[in-house]
C-alpha atoms as a PDB file:
ATOM      1  CA  ASP A   1     106.600 104.793 136.218  1.00  0.00           C
ATOM      2  CA  ARG A   2     105.268 101.289 135.653  1.00  0.00           C
ATOM      3  CA  PHE A   3     105.069 100.924 132.166  1.00  0.00           C
ATOM      4  CA  ALA A   4     108.710 102.595 131.309  1.00  0.00           C
ATOM      5  CA  LYS A   5     110.079  99.887 133.659  1.00  0.00           C
ATOM      6  CA  GLN A   6     108.115  97.833 131.362  1.00  0.00           C
ATOM      7  CA  GLY A   7     109.616  99.327 128.290  1.00  0.00           C
ATOM      8  CA  LEU A   8     106.103 100.210 127.147  1.00  0.00           C
ATOM      9  CA  ARG A   9     105.647 103.701 125.916  1.00  0.00           C
ATOM     10  CA  CYS A  10     102.454 105.344 124.059  1.00  0.00           C
ATOM     11  CA  ARG A  11     102.669 106.311 120.488  1.00  0.00           C
ATOM     12  CA  HIS A  12     100.354 109.077 119.335  1.00  0.00           C
ATOM     13  CA  LYS A  13      97.811 108.916 116.554  1.00  0.00           C
ATOM     14  CA  ARG A  14      99.172 110.754 113.402  1.00  0.00           C
ATOM     15  CA  LYS A  15      97.228 113.563 111.863  1.00  0.00           C
ATOM     16  CA  PHE A  16      94.839 112.190 109.083  1.00  0.00           C
ATOM     17  CA  ARG A  17      96.335 112.598 105.692  1.00  0.00           C
ATOM     18  CA  HIS A  18      94.055 112.646 102.661  1.00  0.00           C
ATOM     19  CA  THR A  19      95.381 110.474  99.997  1.00  0.00           C
ATOM     20  CA  THR A  20      93.028 110.200  97.596  1.00  0.00           C
ATOM     21  CA  ASP A  21      91.661 113.256  94.893  1.00  0.00           C
ATOM     22  CA  SER A  22      88.275 111.592  93.077  1.00  0.00           C
ATOM     23  CA  LYS A  23      88.010 115.267  91.600  1.00  0.00           C
ATOM     24  CA  HIS A  24      89.705 114.405  88.146  1.00  0.00           C
ATOM     25  CA  ASN A  25      89.067 114.111  84.520  1.00  0.00           C
ATOM     26  CA  LEU A  26      90.300 110.541  84.317  1.00  0.00           C
ATOM     27  CA  PRO A  27      87.167 108.132  83.103  1.00  0.00           C
ATOM     28  CA  ILE A  28      85.387 106.676  85.903  1.00  0.00           C
ATOM     29  CA  ALA A  29      84.115 103.082  85.661  1.00  0.00           C
ATOM     30  CA  PRO A  30      80.007 103.359  86.440  1.00  0.00           C
ATOM     31  CA  ASN A  31      79.660 102.199  90.456  1.00  0.00           C
ATOM     32  CA  LEU A  32      78.043  98.622  90.084  1.00  0.00           C
ATOM     33  CA  LEU A  33      78.437  97.945  93.698  1.00  0.00           C
ATOM     34  CA  ASN A  34      76.293 100.966  94.595  1.00  0.00           C
ATOM     35  CA  ARG A  35      77.215 100.123  98.263  1.00  0.00           C
ATOM     36  CA  GLN A  36      75.875  96.560  98.306  1.00  0.00           C
ATOM     37  CA  PHE A  37      78.464  95.470 100.716  1.00  0.00           C
ATOM     38  CA  THR A  38      76.787  92.194 101.505  1.00  0.00           C
ATOM     39  CA  VAL A  39      76.474  89.427  99.007  1.00  0.00           C
ATOM     40  CA  SER A  40      74.799  86.002  99.171  1.00  0.00           C
ATOM     41  CA  LYS A  41      77.809  83.791  97.646  1.00  0.00           C
ATOM     42  CA  PRO A  42      81.627  83.780  97.095  1.00  0.00           C
ATOM     43  CA  ILE A  43      82.949  85.544  93.651  1.00  0.00           C
ATOM     44  CA  VAL A  44      80.187  87.781  93.157  1.00  0.00           C
ATOM     45  CA  ALA A  45      81.765  91.098  94.499  1.00  0.00           C
ATOM     46  CA  TRP A  46      85.360  92.139  95.497  1.00  0.00           C
ATOM     47  CA  VAL A  47      86.715  95.106  96.890  1.00  0.00           C
ATOM     48  CA  GLY A  48      90.099  96.384  96.537  1.00  0.00           C
ATOM     49  CA  ASP A  49      92.487  98.878  98.624  1.00  0.00           C
ATOM     50  CA  ILE A  50      96.115  99.886  99.246  1.00  0.00           C
ATOM     51  CA  THR A  51      97.300 100.459 102.501  1.00  0.00           C
ATOM     52  CA  PHE A  52     101.003 101.398 103.289  1.00  0.00           C
ATOM     53  CA  ILE A  53     103.286  99.924 106.136  1.00  0.00           C
ATOM     54  CA  GLN A  54     106.165 101.400 107.134  1.00  0.00           C
ATOM     55  CA  THR A  55     109.615  99.336 107.995  1.00  0.00           C
ATOM     56  CA  GLN A  56     113.376  99.648 108.866  1.00  0.00           C
ATOM     57  CA  GLU A  57     113.966  99.842 105.034  1.00  0.00           C
ATOM     58  CA  GLY A  58     110.822 102.529 103.832  1.00  0.00           C
ATOM     59  CA  TRP A  59     107.508 102.057 103.062  1.00  0.00           C
ATOM     60  CA  LEU A  60     106.033  99.459 101.344  1.00  0.00           C
ATOM     61  CA  TYR A  61     102.273  99.381  99.661  1.00  0.00           C
ATOM     62  CA  LEU A  62     100.219  96.884  99.925  1.00  0.00           C
ATOM     63  CA  ALA A  63      97.231  96.217  97.871  1.00  0.00           C
ATOM     64  CA  THR A  64      94.640  93.633  98.298  1.00  0.00           C
ATOM     65  CA  MET A  65      91.479  92.265  97.063  1.00  0.00           C
ATOM     66  CA  ILE A  66      88.759  91.154  99.664  1.00  0.00           C
ATOM     67  CA  ASP A  67      85.833  88.846  98.695  1.00  0.00           C
ATOM     68  CA  LEU A  68      82.540  90.743 100.024  1.00  0.00           C
ATOM     69  CA  PHE A  69      80.899  87.477 100.719  1.00  0.00           C
ATOM     70  CA  ASN A  70      83.205  86.330 103.653  1.00  0.00           C
ATOM     71  CA  ARG A  71      85.607  88.968 104.252  1.00  0.00           C
ATOM     72  CA  GLN A  72      88.294  86.789 102.655  1.00  0.00           C
ATOM     73  CA  ILE A  73      91.327  88.047 100.760  1.00  0.00           C
ATOM     74  CA  VAL A  74      91.197  86.688  97.536  1.00  0.00           C
ATOM     75  CA  GLY A  75      94.558  88.309  95.928  1.00  0.00           C
ATOM     76  CA  TRP A  76      97.362  90.840  97.406  1.00  0.00           C
ATOM     77  CA  GLN A  77     100.439  91.960  96.129  1.00  0.00           C
ATOM     78  CA  VAL A  78     103.368  93.925  97.905  1.00  0.00           C
ATOM     79  CA  SER A  79     105.646  96.790  96.400  1.00  0.00           C
ATOM     80  CA  THR A  80     107.927  99.635  97.182  1.00  0.00           C
ATOM     81  CA  MET A  81     105.769 101.862  94.606  1.00  0.00           C
ATOM     82  CA  ILE A  82     102.422 102.955  94.590  1.00  0.00           C
ATOM     83  CA  ASP A  83     101.181 102.616  91.246  1.00  0.00           C
ATOM     84  CA  GLN A  84      99.157 100.835  88.552  1.00  0.00           C
ATOM     85  CA  VAL A  85     101.276  97.840  88.172  1.00  0.00           C
ATOM     86  CA  LEU A  86     100.836  97.425  92.314  1.00  0.00           C
ATOM     87  CA  VAL A  87      96.744  97.024  91.555  1.00  0.00           C
ATOM     88  CA  ASN A  88      96.846  95.105  88.623  1.00  0.00           C
ATOM     89  CA  ASP A  89      99.093  92.390  89.859  1.00  0.00           C
ATOM     90  CA  ALA A  90      96.793  92.206  93.399  1.00  0.00           C
ATOM     91  CA  LEU A  91      93.772  91.819  90.777  1.00  0.00           C
ATOM     92  CA  ASN A  92      96.048  89.109  88.722  1.00  0.00           C
ATOM     93  CA  SER A  93      96.648  87.558  91.936  1.00  0.00           C
ATOM     94  CA  ALA A  94      93.189  87.241  93.172  1.00  0.00           C
ATOM     95  CA  LEU A  95      92.031  86.336  89.247  1.00  0.00           C
ATOM     96  CA  LEU A  96      94.551  83.368  89.317  1.00  0.00           C
ATOM     97  CA  MET A  97      93.879  81.953  92.887  1.00  0.00           C
ATOM     98  CA  ARG A  98      90.004  82.176  92.005  1.00  0.00           C
ATOM     99  CA  GLY A  99      90.536  80.356  88.692  1.00  0.00           C
ATOM    100  CA  LYS A 100      89.850  83.303  86.152  1.00  0.00           C
ATOM    101  CA  PRO A 101      86.183  83.493  87.086  1.00  0.00           C
ATOM    102  CA  SER A 102      84.208  85.600  85.080  1.00  0.00           C
ATOM    103  CA  GLY A 103      81.534  88.140  86.225  1.00  0.00           C
ATOM    104  CA  VAL A 104      83.068  89.213  89.213  1.00  0.00           C
ATOM    105  CA  ILE A 105      82.471  93.054  90.219  1.00  0.00           C
ATOM    106  CA  VAL A 106      85.550  94.432  91.303  1.00  0.00           C
ATOM    107  CA  HIS A 107      84.990  97.892  93.280  1.00  0.00           C
ATOM    108  CA  THR A 108      87.717 100.090  94.243  1.00  0.00           C
ATOM    109  CA  ASP A 109      88.438 103.630  95.190  1.00  0.00           C
ATOM    110  CA  ARG A 110      88.068 106.017  92.575  1.00  0.00           C
ATOM    111  CA  GLY A 111      90.045 108.793  93.308  1.00  0.00           C
ATOM    112  CA  SER A 112      93.889 108.743  92.768  1.00  0.00           C
ATOM    113  CA  ARG A 113      97.061 109.960  94.994  1.00  0.00           C
ATOM    114  CA  GLY A 114      98.884 112.809  92.948  1.00  0.00           C
ATOM    115  CA  VAL A 115     100.646 111.483  90.108  1.00  0.00           C
ATOM    116  CA  PHE A 116     100.084 107.411  90.083  1.00  0.00           C
ATOM    117  CA  ASN A 117      96.087 107.131  89.230  1.00  0.00           C
ATOM    118  CA  GLN A 118      96.427 103.409  90.791  1.00  0.00           C
ATOM    119  CA  TYR A 119      92.805 102.653  90.272  1.00  0.00           C
ATOM    120  CA  CYS A 120      92.142 105.614  86.989  1.00  0.00           C
ATOM    121  CA  ALA A 121      94.800 103.948  84.919  1.00  0.00           C
ATOM    122  CA  HIS A 122      93.955 103.221  81.428  1.00  0.00           C
ATOM    123  CA  SER A 123      95.931  99.425  81.721  1.00  0.00           C
ATOM    124  CA  LEU A 124      93.703  96.648  81.764  1.00  0.00           C
ATOM    125  CA  THR A 125      94.897  93.454  83.432  1.00  0.00           C
END
Protein backbone atom coordinates (compact mmCIF):
# COMPACT_ATOMS: atom_id res chain seq x y z
CA ASP A 1 0.00 0.00 0.00
CA ARG A 2 1.02 3.66 -0.12
CA PHE A 3 2.32 3.69 3.46
CA ALA A 4 4.63 0.75 2.84
CA LYS A 5 5.99 2.49 -0.24
CA GLN A 6 6.89 5.47 1.93
CA GLY A 7 8.58 3.22 4.48
CA LEU A 8 5.91 3.86 7.10
CA ARG A 9 4.54 1.25 9.44
CA CYS A 10 2.31 1.34 12.47
CA ARG A 11 3.49 0.78 16.00
CA HIS A 12 1.05 -0.95 18.27
CA LYS A 13 0.43 0.57 21.65
CA ARG A 14 2.04 -1.44 24.42
CA LYS A 15 0.08 -2.77 27.34
CA PHE A 16 0.22 -0.42 30.33
CA ARG A 17 2.80 -1.52 32.86
CA HIS A 18 2.28 -0.47 36.46
CA THR A 19 5.64 0.78 37.74
CA THR A 20 4.88 2.31 41.13
CA ASP A 21 3.76 0.80 44.39
CA SER A 22 2.66 3.27 47.04
CA LYS A 23 1.78 0.48 49.48
CA HIS A 24 5.08 0.28 51.32
CA ASN A 25 6.38 0.84 54.85
CA LEU A 26 8.88 3.57 53.97
CA PRO A 27 8.46 7.10 55.33
CA ILE A 28 6.21 9.35 53.23
CA ALA A 29 6.48 13.13 53.39
CA PRO A 30 3.27 15.10 53.86
CA ASN A 31 1.49 16.14 50.66
CA LEU A 32 2.02 19.92 50.89
CA LEU A 33 0.93 20.52 47.31
CA ASN A 34 -2.46 18.83 47.86
CA ARG A 35 -3.26 18.75 44.12
CA GLN A 36 -2.85 22.52 43.73
CA PHE A 37 -1.04 22.37 40.41
CA THR A 38 -1.45 26.07 39.61
CA VAL A 39 0.87 28.56 41.29
CA SER A 40 1.09 32.35 40.84
CA LYS A 41 4.85 32.76 40.57
CA PRO A 42 7.99 30.75 39.77
CA ILE A 43 10.06 28.80 42.29
CA VAL A 44 7.08 28.02 44.53
CA ALA A 45 6.43 24.40 43.57
CA TRP A 46 8.31 21.87 41.48
CA VAL A 47 7.11 18.44 40.46
CA GLY A 48 9.38 15.53 39.61
CA ASP A 49 8.97 12.37 37.63
CA ILE A 50 10.95 9.71 35.79
CA THR A 51 10.41 8.41 32.30
CA PHE A 52 12.29 5.74 30.39
CA ILE A 53 13.70 5.98 26.89
CA GLN A 54 14.64 3.00 24.76
CA THR A 55 17.88 3.45 22.81
CA GLN A 56 19.95 1.14 20.64
CA GLU A 57 22.31 0.66 23.59
CA GLY A 58 19.52 -0.10 26.08
CA TRP A 59 17.23 1.80 28.43
CA LEU A 60 17.94 5.30 29.71
CA TYR A 61 16.03 6.91 32.55
CA LEU A 62 15.24 10.63 32.55
CA ALA A 63 14.37 12.34 35.82
CA THR A 64 13.00 15.87 35.59
CA MET A 65 12.00 18.71 37.90
CA ILE A 66 9.34 21.00 36.43
CA ASP A 67 8.29 24.41 37.77
CA LEU A 68 4.51 24.42 38.05
CA PHE A 69 4.33 28.15 37.32
CA ASN A 70 5.29 27.89 33.64
CA ARG A 71 5.77 24.11 33.23
CA GLN A 72 9.44 24.72 32.45
CA ILE A 73 11.98 22.00 33.15
CA VAL A 74 14.24 23.48 35.81
CA GLY A 75 16.45 20.43 36.36
CA TRP A 76 17.06 17.04 34.83
CA GLN A 77 19.37 14.05 34.82
CA VAL A 78 19.78 10.98 32.61
CA SER A 79 21.14 7.65 33.78
CA THR A 80 21.26 3.98 32.91
CA MET A 81 20.16 3.30 36.50
CA ILE A 82 16.74 4.14 37.94
CA ASP A 83 17.64 4.86 41.53
CA GLN A 84 17.78 7.53 44.23
CA VAL A 85 21.02 8.93 42.76
CA LEU A 86 19.17 9.77 39.54
CA VAL A 87 16.44 11.59 41.48
CA ASN A 88 18.89 13.43 43.74
CA ASP A 89 20.98 14.53 40.74
CA ALA A 90 17.88 15.91 38.98
CA LEU A 91 16.90 17.85 42.12
CA ASN A 92 20.45 19.12 42.60
CA SER A 93 20.48 20.21 38.96
CA ALA A 94 17.33 22.26 39.56
CA LEU A 95 18.68 23.76 42.77
CA LEU A 96 21.95 24.78 41.13
CA MET A 97 20.27 26.19 38.01
CA ARG A 98 17.89 28.28 40.14
CA GLY A 99 20.46 29.62 42.61
CA LYS A 100 19.68 27.25 45.50
CA PRO A 101 16.28 28.72 46.42
CA SER A 102 14.71 27.94 49.77
CA GLY A 103 11.10 27.16 50.56
CA VAL A 104 10.30 25.40 47.28
CA ILE A 105 7.71 22.63 47.56
CA VAL A 106 9.06 19.58 45.73
CA HIS A 107 6.29 17.13 44.87
CA THR A 108 6.95 13.68 43.41
CA ASP A 109 5.38 10.29 43.11
CA ARG A 110 5.09 8.69 46.54
CA GLY A 111 5.52 5.17 45.29
CA SER A 112 8.52 3.06 44.51
CA ARG A 113 9.51 0.59 41.84
CA GLY A 114 10.68 -2.71 43.22
CA VAL A 115 13.85 -2.44 45.27
CA PHE A 116 14.87 0.96 43.89
CA ASN A 117 12.64 3.23 46.03
CA GLN A 118 13.72 6.32 44.09
CA TYR A 119 11.34 8.75 45.76
CA CYS A 120 11.18 6.92 49.09
CA ALA A 121 14.90 6.93 49.71
CA HIS A 122 16.43 7.99 52.99
CA SER A 123 19.12 10.11 51.33
CA LEU A 124 18.91 13.89 51.20
CA THR A 125 20.55 16.02 48.54
